[in-house]
Amino acid sequence: MALVLDDVTVVYRRRGVETHAVRGVSLRVGRGETLAVVGESGSGKTTIGKVAAGLQQATSGTVSRSGNVQMVFQHPVQSLDPMWRIRRAVREPLARTGLPHREAAALAAEMIIRVGLDPSV
């Protein structure tokens, strides 16, 4: 499995008040699979995504990742600039991790081809 959440709970504490954002969520996503999380506003979708992507810690439960997990936020134009070529959109976050430009560019090109996209787009 590329991603496993097992009995994940997230509790926010603010001014002595506890809010259970997520209770007992378990899921398994295999390599190459896509998962969509659907629910009402305030149901914990973003919290689950953040925990899955490693952007937030769970209060309890376990998270295992054997591949890359990335969120595409609700307003993709704010996350993915439609004026950029694919290679730039993929290279930029890699470069921001501290990879030298050449390494980020090579890794971006490899990933683009690996997922079946045309790097000239």
PDB file of N, CA and C in Angstrom:
ATOM      1  N   MET A   1       0.828  -1.186   0.000  1.00  0.00           N
ATOM      2  CA  MET A   1       0.000   0.000   0.000  1.00  0.00           C
ATOM      3  C   MET A   1       0.874   1.251   0.000  1.00  0.00           C
ATOM      4  N   ALA A   2       0.467   2.236  -0.780  1.00  0.00           N
ATOM      5  CA  ALA A   2       1.202   3.502  -0.832  1.00  0.00           C
ATOM      6  C   ALA A   2       0.860   4.398   0.355  1.00  0.00           C
ATOM      7  N   LEU A   3      -0.373   4.278   0.847  1.00  0.00           N
ATOM      8  CA  LEU A   3      -0.811   5.108   1.969  1.00  0.00           C
ATOM      9  C   LEU A   3      -1.764   4.305   2.830  1.00  0.00           C
ATOM     10  N   VAL A   4      -1.495   4.305   4.127  1.00  0.00           N
ATOM     11  CA  VAL A   4      -2.388   3.626   5.077  1.00  0.00           C
ATOM     12  C   VAL A   4      -2.618   4.548   6.263  1.00  0.00           C
ATOM     13  N   LEU A   5      -3.865   4.848   6.539  1.00  0.00           N
ATOM     14  CA  LEU A   5      -4.262   5.534   7.761  1.00  0.00           C
ATOM     15  C   LEU A   5      -5.030   4.504   8.569  1.00  0.00           C
ATOM     16  N   ASP A   6      -4.634   4.327   9.824  1.00  0.00           N
ATOM     17  CA  ASP A   6      -5.283   3.328  10.666  1.00  0.00           C
ATOM     18  C   ASP A   6      -5.765   3.972  11.959  1.00  0.00           C
ATOM     19  N   ASP A   7      -7.076   4.071  12.090  1.00  0.00           N
ATOM     20  CA  ASP A   7      -7.726   4.593  13.291  1.00  0.00           C
ATOM     21  C   ASP A   7      -7.215   5.986  13.664  1.00  0.00           C
ATOM     22  N   VAL A   8      -7.117   6.863  12.655  1.00  0.00           N
ATOM     23  CA  VAL A   8      -6.579   8.212  12.855  1.00  0.00           C
ATOM     24  C   VAL A   8      -7.633   9.124  13.479  1.00  0.00           C
ATOM     25  N   THR A   9      -7.209   9.815  14.514  1.00  0.00           N
ATOM     26  CA  THR A   9      -8.040  10.809  15.189  1.00  0.00           C
ATOM     27  C   THR A   9      -7.247  12.106  15.267  1.00  0.00           C
ATOM     28  N   VAL A  10      -7.922  13.229  15.030  1.00  0.00           N
ATOM     29  CA  VAL A  10      -7.300  14.539  15.182  1.00  0.00           C
ATOM     30  C   VAL A  10      -8.205  15.383  16.072  1.00  0.00           C
ATOM     31  N   VAL A  11      -7.615  15.881  17.144  1.00  0.00           N
ATOM     32  CA  VAL A  11      -8.341  16.732  18.080  1.00  0.00           C
ATOM     33  C   VAL A  11      -7.625  18.076  18.131  1.00  0.00           C
ATOM     34  N   TYR A  12      -8.379  19.143  17.911  1.00  0.00           N
ATOM     35  CA  TYR A  12      -7.840  20.494  18.055  1.00  0.00           C
ATOM     36  C   TYR A  12      -8.190  20.983  19.451  1.00  0.00           C
ATOM     37  N   ARG A  13      -7.217  21.596  20.095  1.00  0.00           N
ATOM     38  CA  ARG A  13      -7.449  22.165  21.427  1.00  0.00           C
ATOM     39  C   ARG A  13      -7.188  23.659  21.359  1.00  0.00           C
ATOM     40  N   ARG A  14      -8.182  24.422  21.748  1.00  0.00           N
ATOM     41  CA  ARG A  14      -8.044  25.878  21.739  1.00  0.00           C
ATOM     42  C   ARG A  14      -8.772  26.438  22.945  1.00  0.00           C
ATOM     43  N   ARG A  15      -8.016  27.151  23.753  1.00  0.00           N
ATOM     44  CA  ARG A  15      -8.572  27.772  24.965  1.00  0.00           C
ATOM     45  C   ARG A  15      -9.305  26.770  25.844  1.00  0.00           C
ATOM     46  N   GLY A  16      -8.723  25.595  25.971  1.00  0.00           N
ATOM     47  CA  GLY A  16      -9.292  24.573  26.835  1.00  0.00           C
ATOM     48  C   GLY A  16     -10.462  23.805  26.249  1.00  0.00           C
ATOM     49  N   VAL A  17     -10.822  24.110  25.000  1.00  0.00           N
ATOM     50  CA  VAL A  17     -11.945  23.426  24.352  1.00  0.00           C
ATOM     51  C   VAL A  17     -11.393  22.440  23.315  1.00  0.00           C
ATOM     52  N   GLU A  18     -11.863  21.212  23.365  1.00  0.00           N
ATOM     53  CA  GLU A  18     -11.451  20.198  22.402  1.00  0.00           C
ATOM     54  C   GLU A  18     -12.491  20.054  21.300  1.00  0.00           C
ATOM     55  N   THR A  19     -12.007  20.020  20.062  1.00  0.00           N
ATOM     56  CA  THR A  19     -12.862  19.783  18.907  1.00  0.00           C
ATOM     57  C   THR A  19     -12.320  18.573  18.170  1.00  0.00           C
ATOM     58  N   HIS A  20     -13.134  17.547  18.035  1.00  0.00           N
ATOM     59  CA  HIS A  20     -12.740  16.337  17.314  1.00  0.00           C
ATOM     60  C   HIS A  20     -13.001  16.558  15.824  1.00  0.00           C
ATOM     61  N   ALA A  21     -11.931  16.826  15.076  1.00  0.00           N
ATOM     62  CA  ALA A  21     -12.065  17.068  13.639  1.00  0.00           C
ATOM     63  C   ALA A  21     -12.209  15.758  12.880  1.00  0.00           C
ATOM     64  N   VAL A  22     -11.520  14.727  13.341  1.00  0.00           N
ATOM     65  CA  VAL A  22     -11.525  13.415  12.685  1.00  0.00           C
ATOM     66  C   VAL A  22     -11.516  12.362  13.784  1.00  0.00           C
ATOM     67  N   ARG A  23     -12.369  11.348  13.644  1.00  0.00           N
ATOM     68  CA  ARG A  23     -12.432  10.278  14.647  1.00  0.00           C
ATOM     69  C   ARG A  23     -12.351   8.919  13.980  1.00  0.00           C
ATOM     70  N   GLY A  24     -11.288   8.204  14.254  1.00  0.00           N
ATOM     71  CA  GLY A  24     -11.176   6.804  13.856  1.00  0.00           C
ATOM     72  C   GLY A  24     -11.181   6.550  12.360  1.00  0.00           C
ATOM     73  N   VAL A  25     -10.524   7.380  11.581  1.00  0.00           N
ATOM     74  CA  VAL A  25     -10.509   7.202  10.128  1.00  0.00           C
ATOM     75  C   VAL A  25      -9.445   6.167   9.746  1.00  0.00           C
ATOM     76  N   SER A  26      -9.843   5.206   8.951  1.00  0.00           N
ATOM     77  CA  SER A  26      -8.927   4.208   8.410  1.00  0.00           C
ATOM     78  C   SER A  26      -9.148   4.126   6.908  1.00  0.00           C
ATOM     79  N   LEU A  27      -8.039   4.068   6.176  1.00  0.00           N
ATOM     80  CA  LEU A  27      -8.137   3.914   4.723  1.00  0.00           C
ATOM     81  C   LEU A  27      -6.839   3.339   4.190  1.00  0.00           C
ATOM     82  N   ARG A  28      -6.937   2.733   3.018  1.00  0.00           N
ATOM     83  CA  ARG A  28      -5.778   2.168   2.346  1.00  0.00           C
ATOM     84  C   ARG A  28      -5.839   2.550   0.872  1.00  0.00           C
ATOM     85  N   VAL A  29      -4.730   3.095   0.373  1.00  0.00           N
ATOM     86  CA  VAL A  29      -4.653   3.491  -1.030  1.00  0.00           C
ATOM     87  C   VAL A  29      -3.423   2.818  -1.623  1.00  0.00           C
ATOM     88  N   GLY A  30      -3.639   2.033  -2.668  1.00  0.00           N
ATOM     89  CA  GLY A  30      -2.538   1.344  -3.323  1.00  0.00           C
ATOM     90  C   GLY A  30      -1.817   2.244  -4.302  1.00  0.00           C
ATOM     91  N   ARG A  31      -0.623   1.832  -4.664  1.00  0.00           N
ATOM     92  CA  ARG A  31       0.181   2.581  -5.643  1.00  0.00           C
ATOM     93  C   ARG A  31      -0.608   2.692  -6.946  1.00  0.00           C
ATOM     94  N   GLY A  32      -0.684   3.903  -7.484  1.00  0.00           N
ATOM     95  CA  GLY A  32      -1.400   4.147  -8.731  1.00  0.00           C
ATOM     96  C   GLY A  32      -2.886   4.398  -8.557  1.00  0.00           C
ATOM     97  N   GLU A  33      -3.398   4.247  -7.348  1.00  0.00           N
ATOM     98  CA  GLU A  33      -4.817   4.502  -7.094  1.00  0.00           C
ATOM     99  C   GLU A  33      -5.031   5.964  -6.737  1.00  0.00           C
ATOM    100  N   THR A  34      -6.245   6.424  -6.919  1.00  0.00           N
ATOM    101  CA  THR A  34      -6.633   7.783  -6.561  1.00  0.00           C
ATOM    102  C   THR A  34      -7.769   7.691  -5.561  1.00  0.00           C
ATOM    103  N   LEU A  35      -7.725   8.544  -4.559  1.00  0.00           N
ATOM    104  CA  LEU A  35      -8.774   8.570  -3.547  1.00  0.00           C
ATOM    105  C   LEU A  35      -9.387   9.954  -3.509  1.00  0.00           C
ATOM    106  N   ALA A  36     -10.698  10.024  -3.551  1.00  0.00           N
ATOM    107  CA  ALA A  36     -11.415  11.281  -3.379  1.00  0.00           C
ATOM    108  C   ALA A  36     -12.135  11.213  -2.039  1.00  0.00           C
ATOM    109  N   VAL A  37     -11.997  12.270  -1.258  1.00  0.00           N
ATOM    110  CA  VAL A  37     -12.683  12.360   0.025  1.00  0.00           C
ATOM    111  C   VAL A  37     -13.780  13.396  -0.138  1.00  0.00           C
ATOM    112  N   VAL A  38     -15.011  12.968   0.085  1.00  0.00           N
ATOM    113  CA  VAL A  38     -16.170  13.820  -0.148  1.00  0.00           C
ATOM    114  C   VAL A  38     -16.952  13.942   1.152  1.00  0.00           C
ATOM    115  N   GLY A  39     -17.429  15.142   1.439  1.00  0.00           N
ATOM    116  CA  GLY A  39     -18.235  15.332   2.633  1.00  0.00           C
ATOM    117  C   GLY A  39     -18.636  16.776   2.779  1.00  0.00           C
ATOM    118  N   GLU A  40     -19.467  17.008   3.755  1.00  0.00           N
ATOM    119  CA  GLU A  40     -19.956  18.358   4.016  1.00  0.00           C
ATOM    120  C   GLU A  40     -18.836  19.249   4.525  1.00  0.00           C
ATOM    121  N   SER A  41     -19.042  20.539   4.447  1.00  0.00           N
ATOM    122  CA  SER A  41     -18.104  21.495   4.998  1.00  0.00           C
ATOM    123  C   SER A  41     -17.938  21.222   6.489  1.00  0.00           C
ATOM    124  N   GLY A  42     -16.676  21.176   6.925  1.00  0.00           N
ATOM    125  CA  GLY A  42     -16.413  20.928   8.337  1.00  0.00           C
ATOM    126  C   GLY A  42     -16.382  19.469   8.727  1.00  0.00           C
ATOM    127  N   SER A  43     -16.442  18.560   7.749  1.00  0.00           N
ATOM    128  CA  SER A  43     -16.496  17.132   8.071  1.00  0.00           C
ATOM    129  C   SER A  43     -15.116  16.503   8.263  1.00  0.00           C
ATOM    130  N   GLY A  44     -14.026  17.270   8.041  1.00  0.00           N
ATOM    131  CA  GLY A  44     -12.687  16.742   8.286  1.00  0.00           C
ATOM    132  C   GLY A  44     -11.899  16.375   7.043  1.00  0.00           C
ATOM    133  N   LYS A  45     -12.414  16.699   5.858  1.00  0.00           N
ATOM    134  CA  LYS A  45     -11.728  16.339   4.604  1.00  0.00           C
ATOM    135  C   LYS A  45     -10.318  16.927   4.537  1.00  0.00           C
ATOM    136  N   THR A  46     -10.192  18.202   4.792  1.00  0.00           N
ATOM    137  CA  THR A  46      -8.880  18.847   4.713  1.00  0.00           C
ATOM    138  C   THR A  46      -7.952  18.303   5.777  1.00  0.00           C
ATOM    139  N   THR A  47      -8.456  18.061   6.963  1.00  0.00           N
ATOM    140  CA  THR A  47      -7.635  17.501   8.032  1.00  0.00           C
ATOM    141  C   THR A  47      -7.116  16.129   7.644  1.00  0.00           C
ATOM    142  N   ILE A  48      -7.958  15.278   7.075  1.00  0.00           N
ATOM    143  CA  ILE A  48      -7.520  13.955   6.624  1.00  0.00           C
ATOM    144  C   ILE A  48      -6.435  14.100   5.554  1.00  0.00           C
ATOM    145  N   GLY A  49      -6.648  15.010   4.616  1.00  0.00           N
ATOM    146  CA  GLY A  49      -5.663  15.231   3.563  1.00  0.00           C
ATOM    147  C   GLY A  49      -4.335  15.707   4.117  1.00  0.00           C
ATOM    148  N   LYS A  50      -4.370  16.622   5.063  1.00  0.00           N
ATOM    149  CA  LYS A  50      -3.136  17.137   5.660  1.00  0.00           C
ATOM    150  C   LYS A  50      -2.380  16.040   6.413  1.00  0.00           C
ATOM    151  N   VAL A  51      -3.110  15.220   7.142  1.00  0.00           N
ATOM    152  CA  VAL A  51      -2.469  14.119   7.860  1.00  0.00           C
ATOM    153  C   VAL A  51      -1.875  13.125   6.855  1.00  0.00           C
ATOM    154  N   ALA A  52      -2.627  12.795   5.818  1.00  0.00           N
ATOM    155  CA  ALA A  52      -2.147  11.848   4.803  1.00  0.00           C
ATOM    156  C   ALA A  52      -0.892  12.360   4.111  1.00  0.00           C
ATOM    157  N   ALA A  53      -0.831  13.680   3.853  1.00  0.00           N
ATOM    158  CA  ALA A  53       0.309  14.272   3.146  1.00  0.00           C
ATOM    159  C   ALA A  53       1.474  14.597   4.076  1.00  0.00           C
ATOM    160  N   GLY A  54       1.302  14.396   5.373  1.00  0.00           N
ATOM    161  CA  GLY A  54       2.370  14.687   6.319  1.00  0.00           C
ATOM    162  C   GLY A  54       2.476  16.155   6.696  1.00  0.00           C
ATOM    163  N   LEU A  55       1.436  16.921   6.398  1.00  0.00           N
ATOM    164  CA  LEU A  55       1.434  18.344   6.723  1.00  0.00           C
ATOM    165  C   LEU A  55       0.923  18.613   8.130  1.00  0.00           C
ATOM    166  N   GLN A  56       0.356  17.582   8.758  1.00  0.00           N
ATOM    167  CA  GLN A  56      -0.198  17.716  10.108  1.00  0.00           C
ATOM    168  C   GLN A  56      -0.084  16.361  10.793  1.00  0.00           C
ATOM    169  N   GLN A  57       0.141  16.380  12.086  1.00  0.00           N
ATOM    170  CA  GLN A  57       0.226  15.150  12.858  1.00  0.00           C
ATOM    171  C   GLN A  57      -1.157  14.733  13.353  1.00  0.00           C
ATOM    172  N   ALA A  58      -1.380  13.439  13.401  1.00  0.00           N
ATOM    173  CA  ALA A  58      -2.605  12.911  13.997  1.00  0.00           C
ATOM    174  C   ALA A  58      -2.454  12.945  15.515  1.00  0.00           C
ATOM    175  N   THR A  59      -3.564  13.112  16.218  1.00  0.00           N
ATOM    176  CA  THR A  59      -3.544  13.043  17.668  1.00  0.00           C
ATOM    177  C   THR A  59      -3.316  11.609  18.110  1.00  0.00           C
ATOM    178  N   SER A  60      -3.932  10.676  17.385  1.00  0.00           N
ATOM    179  CA  SER A  60      -3.711   9.259  17.644  1.00  0.00           C
ATOM    180  C   SER A  60      -3.934   8.486  16.353  1.00  0.00           C
ATOM    181  N   GLY A  61      -3.539   7.226  16.356  1.00  0.00           N
ATOM    182  CA  GLY A  61      -3.618   6.392  15.164  1.00  0.00           C
ATOM    183  C   GLY A  61      -2.267   6.369  14.459  1.00  0.00           C
ATOM    184  N   THR A  62      -2.211   5.647  13.336  1.00  0.00           N
ATOM    185  CA  THR A  62      -0.951   5.530  12.610  1.00  0.00           C
ATOM    186  C   THR A  62      -1.132   5.905  11.144  1.00  0.00           C
ATOM    187  N   VAL A  63      -0.049   6.422  10.574  1.00  0.00           N
ATOM    188  CA  VAL A  63      -0.019   6.805   9.167  1.00  0.00           C
ATOM    189  C   VAL A  63       1.251   6.207   8.570  1.00  0.00           C
ATOM    190  N   SER A  64       1.094   5.482   7.458  1.00  0.00           N
ATOM    191  CA  SER A  64       2.241   4.916   6.750  1.00  0.00           C
ATOM    192  C   SER A  64       2.167   5.351   5.303  1.00  0.00           C
ATOM    193  N   ARG A  65       3.304   5.863   4.793  1.00  0.00           N
ATOM    194  CA  ARG A  65       3.393   6.287   3.391  1.00  0.00           C
ATOM    195  C   ARG A  65       4.582   5.590   2.759  1.00  0.00           C
ATOM    196  N   SER A  66       4.380   5.008   1.565  1.00  0.00           N
ATOM    197  CA  SER A  66       5.514   4.428   0.843  1.00  0.00           C
ATOM    198  C   SER A  66       5.692   5.124  -0.494  1.00  0.00           C
ATOM    199  N   GLY A  67       4.993   6.202  -0.703  1.00  0.00           N
ATOM    200  CA  GLY A  67       5.102   6.960  -1.943  1.00  0.00           C
ATOM    201  C   GLY A  67       4.771   8.410  -1.682  1.00  0.00           C
ATOM    202  N   ASN A  68       4.717   9.190  -2.737  1.00  0.00           N
ATOM    203  CA  ASN A  68       4.392  10.611  -2.600  1.00  0.00           C
ATOM    204  C   ASN A  68       2.900  10.807  -2.458  1.00  0.00           C
ATOM    205  N   VAL A  69       2.510  11.632  -1.514  1.00  0.00           N
ATOM    206  CA  VAL A  69       1.118  12.014  -1.328  1.00  0.00           C
ATOM    207  C   VAL A  69       1.087  13.524  -1.445  1.00  0.00           C
ATOM    208  N   GLN A  70       0.243  14.038  -2.314  1.00  0.00           N
ATOM    209  CA  GLN A  70       0.184  15.485  -2.528  1.00  0.00           C
ATOM    210  C   GLN A  70      -1.264  15.925  -2.565  1.00  0.00           C
ATOM    211  N   MET A  71      -1.511  17.085  -2.010  1.00  0.00           N
ATOM    212  CA  MET A  71      -2.851  17.650  -2.036  1.00  0.00           C
ATOM    213  C   MET A  71      -2.962  18.643  -3.187  1.00  0.00           C
ATOM    214  N   VAL A  72      -4.105  18.647  -3.849  1.00  0.00           N
ATOM    215  CA  VAL A  72      -4.466  19.706  -4.783  1.00  0.00           C
ATOM    216  C   VAL A  72      -5.645  20.395  -4.127  1.00  0.00           C
ATOM    217  N   PHE A  73      -5.424  21.640  -3.724  1.00  0.00           N
ATOM    218  CA  PHE A  73      -6.437  22.328  -2.942  1.00  0.00           C
ATOM    219  C   PHE A  73      -7.643  22.705  -3.794  1.00  0.00           C
ATOM    220  N   GLN A  74      -8.707  23.107  -3.148  1.00  0.00           N
ATOM    221  CA  GLN A  74      -9.994  23.340  -3.781  1.00  0.00           C
ATOM    222  C   GLN A  74      -9.918  24.322  -4.941  1.00  0.00           C
ATOM    223  N   HIS A  75      -9.039  25.294  -4.871  1.00  0.00           N
ATOM    224  CA  HIS A  75      -8.904  26.278  -5.938  1.00  0.00           C
ATOM    225  C   HIS A  75      -7.604  25.998  -6.684  1.00  0.00           C
ATOM    226  N   PRO A  76      -7.631  25.059  -7.645  1.00  0.00           N
ATOM    227  CA  PRO A  76      -6.390  24.632  -8.289  1.00  0.00           C
ATOM    228  C   PRO A  76      -5.661  25.749  -9.018  1.00  0.00           C
ATOM    229  N   VAL A  77      -6.340  26.795  -9.457  1.00  0.00           N
ATOM    230  CA  VAL A  77      -5.659  27.889 -10.138  1.00  0.00           C
ATOM    231  C   VAL A  77      -4.695  28.581  -9.174  1.00  0.00           C
ATOM    232  N   GLN A  78      -5.010  28.582  -7.877  1.00  0.00           N
ATOM    233  CA  GLN A  78      -4.107  29.161  -6.895  1.00  0.00           C
ATOM    234  C   GLN A  78      -2.918  28.239  -6.638  1.00  0.00           C
ATOM    235  N   SER A  79      -3.080  26.928  -6.877  1.00  0.00           N
ATOM    236  CA  SER A  79      -2.014  25.961  -6.654  1.00  0.00           C
ATOM    237  C   SER A  79      -1.246  25.666  -7.925  1.00  0.00           C
ATOM    238  N   LEU A  80      -1.920  25.629  -9.039  1.00  0.00           N
ATOM    239  CA  LEU A  80      -1.323  25.277 -10.321  1.00  0.00           C
ATOM    240  C   LEU A  80      -1.572  26.412 -11.301  1.00  0.00           C
ATOM    241  N   ASP A  81      -0.531  27.136 -11.641  1.00  0.00           N
ATOM    242  CA  ASP A  81      -0.656  28.271 -12.547  1.00  0.00           C
ATOM    243  C   ASP A  81      -0.907  27.765 -13.966  1.00  0.00           C
ATOM    244  N   PRO A  82      -2.072  28.060 -14.556  1.00  0.00           N
ATOM    245  CA  PRO A  82      -2.400  27.535 -15.893  1.00  0.00           C
ATOM    246  C   PRO A  82      -1.516  28.102 -16.999  1.00  0.00           C
ATOM    247  N   MET A  83      -0.744  29.134 -16.707  1.00  0.00           N
ATOM    248  CA  MET A  83       0.144  29.722 -17.715  1.00  0.00           C
ATOM    249  C   MET A  83       1.515  29.043 -17.742  1.00  0.00           C
ATOM    250  N   TRP A  84       1.812  28.223 -16.751  1.00  0.00           N
ATOM    251  CA  TRP A  84       3.109  27.551 -16.683  1.00  0.00           C
ATOM    252  C   TRP A  84       3.074  26.236 -17.446  1.00  0.00           C
ATOM    253  N   ARG A  85       4.195  25.868 -18.006  1.00  0.00           N
ATOM    254  CA  ARG A  85       4.339  24.534 -18.584  1.00  0.00           C
ATOM    255  C   ARG A  85       4.397  23.529 -17.430  1.00  0.00           C
ATOM    256  N   ILE A  86       4.038  22.290 -17.724  1.00  0.00           N
ATOM    257  CA  ILE A  86       4.007  21.249 -16.701  1.00  0.00           C
ATOM    258  C   ILE A  86       5.342  21.162 -15.975  1.00  0.00           C
ATOM    259  N   ARG A  87       6.438  21.187 -16.747  1.00  0.00           N
ATOM    260  CA  ARG A  87       7.751  20.995 -16.111  1.00  0.00           C
ATOM    261  C   ARG A  87       8.037  22.071 -15.060  1.00  0.00           C
ATOM    262  N   ARG A  88       7.597  23.305 -15.288  1.00  0.00           N
ATOM    263  CA  ARG A  88       7.826  24.364 -14.309  1.00  0.00           C
ATOM    264  C   ARG A  88       6.970  24.145 -13.061  1.00  0.00           C
ATOM    265  N   ALA A  89       5.718  23.739 -13.271  1.00  0.00           N
ATOM    266  CA  ALA A  89       4.809  23.519 -12.143  1.00  0.00           C
ATOM    267  C   ALA A  89       5.300  22.379 -11.246  1.00  0.00           C
ATOM    268  N   VAL A  90       5.909  21.365 -11.843  1.00  0.00           N
ATOM    269  CA  VAL A  90       6.424  20.236 -11.064  1.00  0.00           C
ATOM    270  C   VAL A  90       7.790  20.580 -10.464  1.00  0.00           C
ATOM    271  N   ARG A  91       8.614  21.313 -11.199  1.00  0.00           N
ATOM    272  CA  ARG A  91       9.964  21.644 -10.738  1.00  0.00           C
ATOM    273  C   ARG A  91       9.957  22.614  -9.554  1.00  0.00           C
ATOM    274  N   GLU A  92       9.045  23.574  -9.551  1.00  0.00           N
ATOM    275  CA  GLU A  92       9.087  24.618  -8.524  1.00  0.00           C
ATOM    276  C   GLU A  92       9.037  24.078  -7.099  1.00  0.00           C
ATOM    277  N   PRO A  93       8.078  23.223  -6.740  1.00  0.00           N
ATOM    278  CA  PRO A  93       8.088  22.741  -5.349  1.00  0.00           C
ATOM    279  C   PRO A  93       9.312  21.884  -5.031  1.00  0.00           C
ATOM    280  N   LEU A  94       9.846  21.189  -6.029  1.00  0.00           N
ATOM    281  CA  LEU A  94      11.070  20.414  -5.797  1.00  0.00           C
ATOM    282  C   LEU A  94      12.232  21.347  -5.481  1.00  0.00           C
ATOM    283  N   ALA A  95      12.337  22.423  -6.223  1.00  0.00           N
ATOM    284  CA  ALA A  95      13.409  23.387  -6.003  1.00  0.00           C
ATOM    285  C   ALA A  95      13.263  24.053  -4.628  1.00  0.00           C
ATOM    286  N   ARG A  96      12.047  24.260  -4.192  1.00  0.00           N
ATOM    287  CA  ARG A  96      11.817  24.907  -2.885  1.00  0.00           C
ATOM    288  C   ARG A  96      12.223  24.011  -1.722  1.00  0.00           C
ATOM    289  N   THR A  97      12.394  22.710  -1.977  1.00  0.00           N
ATOM    290  CA  THR A  97      12.878  21.816  -0.922  1.00  0.00           C
ATOM    291  C   THR A  97      14.379  21.930  -0.745  1.00  0.00           C
ATOM    292  N   GLY A  98      15.028  22.698  -1.631  1.00  0.00           N
ATOM    293  CA  GLY A  98      16.469  22.878  -1.528  1.00  0.00           C
ATOM    294  C   GLY A  98      17.268  22.138  -2.576  1.00  0.00           C
ATOM    295  N   LEU A  99      16.593  21.370  -3.441  1.00  0.00           N
ATOM    296  CA  LEU A  99      17.311  20.690  -4.511  1.00  0.00           C
ATOM    297  C   LEU A  99      17.925  21.718  -5.458  1.00  0.00           C
ATOM    298  N   PRO A 100      19.157  21.486  -5.896  1.00  0.00           N
ATOM    299  CA  PRO A 100      19.719  22.374  -6.910  1.00  0.00           C
ATOM    300  C   PRO A 100      18.846  22.371  -8.165  1.00  0.00           C
ATOM    301  N   HIS A 101      18.870  23.471  -8.910  1.00  0.00           N
ATOM    302  CA  HIS A 101      18.001  23.646 -10.075  1.00  0.00           C
ATOM    303  C   HIS A 101      18.097  22.468 -11.052  1.00  0.00           C
ATOM    304  N   ARG A 102      19.308  22.040 -11.372  1.00  0.00           N
ATOM    305  CA  ARG A 102      19.471  20.940 -12.345  1.00  0.00           C
ATOM    306  C   ARG A 102      18.848  19.643 -11.842  1.00  0.00           C
ATOM    307  N   GLU A 103      19.044  19.336 -10.562  1.00  0.00           N
ATOM    308  CA  GLU A 103      18.462  18.114  -9.996  1.00  0.00           C
ATOM    309  C   GLU A 103      16.940  18.193  -9.975  1.00  0.00           C
ATOM    310  N   ALA A 104      16.404  19.335  -9.587  1.00  0.00           N
ATOM    311  CA  ALA A 104      14.948  19.521  -9.562  1.00  0.00           C
ATOM    312  C   ALA A 104      14.372  19.379 -10.963  1.00  0.00           C
ATOM    313  N   ALA A 105      15.055  19.962 -11.958  1.00  0.00           N
ATOM    314  CA  ALA A 105      14.581  19.882 -13.343  1.00  0.00           C
ATOM    315  C   ALA A 105      14.617  18.443 -13.848  1.00  0.00           C
ATOM    316  N   ALA A 106      15.681  17.711 -13.536  1.00  0.00           N
ATOM    317  CA  ALA A 106      15.798  16.314 -13.982  1.00  0.00           C
ATOM    318  C   ALA A 106      14.735  15.443 -13.317  1.00  0.00           C
ATOM    319  N   LEU A 107      14.523  15.636 -12.025  1.00  0.00           N
ATOM    320  CA  LEU A 107      13.519  14.858 -11.307  1.00  0.00           C
ATOM    321  C   LEU A 107      12.116  15.187 -11.818  1.00  0.00           C
ATOM    322  N   ALA A 108      11.848  16.456 -12.075  1.00  0.00           N
ATOM    323  CA  ALA A 108      10.544  16.863 -12.614  1.00  0.00           C
ATOM    324  C   ALA A 108      10.305  16.203 -13.967  1.00  0.00           C
ATOM    325  N   ALA A 109      11.307  16.217 -14.851  1.00  0.00           N
ATOM    326  CA  ALA A 109      11.159  15.600 -16.176  1.00  0.00           C
ATOM    327  C   ALA A 109      10.877  14.107 -16.046  1.00  0.00           C
ATOM    328  N   GLU A 110      11.580  13.458 -15.122  1.00  0.00           N
ATOM    329  CA  GLU A 110      11.372  12.020 -14.904  1.00  0.00           C
ATOM    330  C   GLU A 110       9.946  11.731 -14.424  1.00  0.00           C
ATOM    331  N   MET A 111       9.461  12.531 -13.481  1.00  0.00           N
ATOM    332  CA  MET A 111       8.110  12.315 -12.941  1.00  0.00           C
ATOM    333  C   MET A 111       7.039  12.565 -13.999  1.00  0.00           C
ATOM    334  N   ILE A 112       7.232  13.590 -14.800  1.00  0.00           N
ATOM    335  CA  ILE A 112       6.256  13.917 -15.846  1.00  0.00           C
ATOM    336  C   ILE A 112       6.113  12.755 -16.827  1.00  0.00           C
ATOM    337  N   ILE A 113       7.228  12.212 -17.240  1.00  0.00           N
ATOM    338  CA  ILE A 113       7.205  11.086 -18.165  1.00  0.00           C
ATOM    339  C   ILE A 113       6.627   9.843 -17.489  1.00  0.00           C
ATOM    340  N   ARG A 114       6.995   9.623 -16.203  1.00  0.00           N
ATOM    341  CA  ARG A 114       6.530   8.442 -15.463  1.00  0.00           C
ATOM    342  C   ARG A 114       5.007   8.371 -15.372  1.00  0.00           C
ATOM    343  N   VAL A 115       4.350   9.535 -15.249  1.00  0.00           N
ATOM    344  CA  VAL A 115       2.889   9.527 -15.133  1.00  0.00           C
ATOM    345  C   VAL A 115       2.200   9.641 -16.484  1.00  0.00           C
ATOM    346  N   GLY A 116       2.982   9.625 -17.576  1.00  0.00           N
ATOM    347  CA  GLY A 116       2.389   9.574 -18.909  1.00  0.00           C
ATOM    348  C   GLY A 116       2.006  10.917 -19.494  1.00  0.00           C
ATOM    349  N   LEU A 117       2.567  12.021 -18.963  1.00  0.00           N
ATOM    350  CA  LEU A 117       2.262  13.337 -19.529  1.00  0.00           C
ATOM    351  C   LEU A 117       3.323  13.721 -20.552  1.00  0.00           C
ATOM    352  N   ASP A 118       2.956  14.589 -21.450  1.00  0.00           N
ATOM    353  CA  ASP A 118       3.868  15.103 -22.456  1.00  0.00           C
ATOM    354  C   ASP A 118       4.592  16.309 -21.880  1.00  0.00           C
ATOM    355  N   PRO A 119       5.926  16.230 -21.683  1.00  0.00           N
ATOM    356  CA  PRO A 119       6.645  17.339 -21.065  1.00  0.00           C
ATOM    357  C   PRO A 119       6.656  18.631 -21.871  1.00  0.00           C
ATOM    358  N   SER A 120       6.226  18.586 -23.115  1.00  0.00           N
ATOM    359  CA  SER A 120       6.225  19.810 -23.924  1.00  0.00           C
ATOM    360  C   SER A 120       4.976  20.651 -23.668  1.00  0.00           C
ATOM    361  N   VAL A 121       4.005  20.131 -22.940  1.00  0.00           N
ATOM    362  CA  VAL A 121       2.764  20.868 -22.692  1.00  0.00           C
ATOM    363  C   VAL A 121       2.995  21.926 -21.625  1.00  0.00           C
TER     364      VAL A 121
END
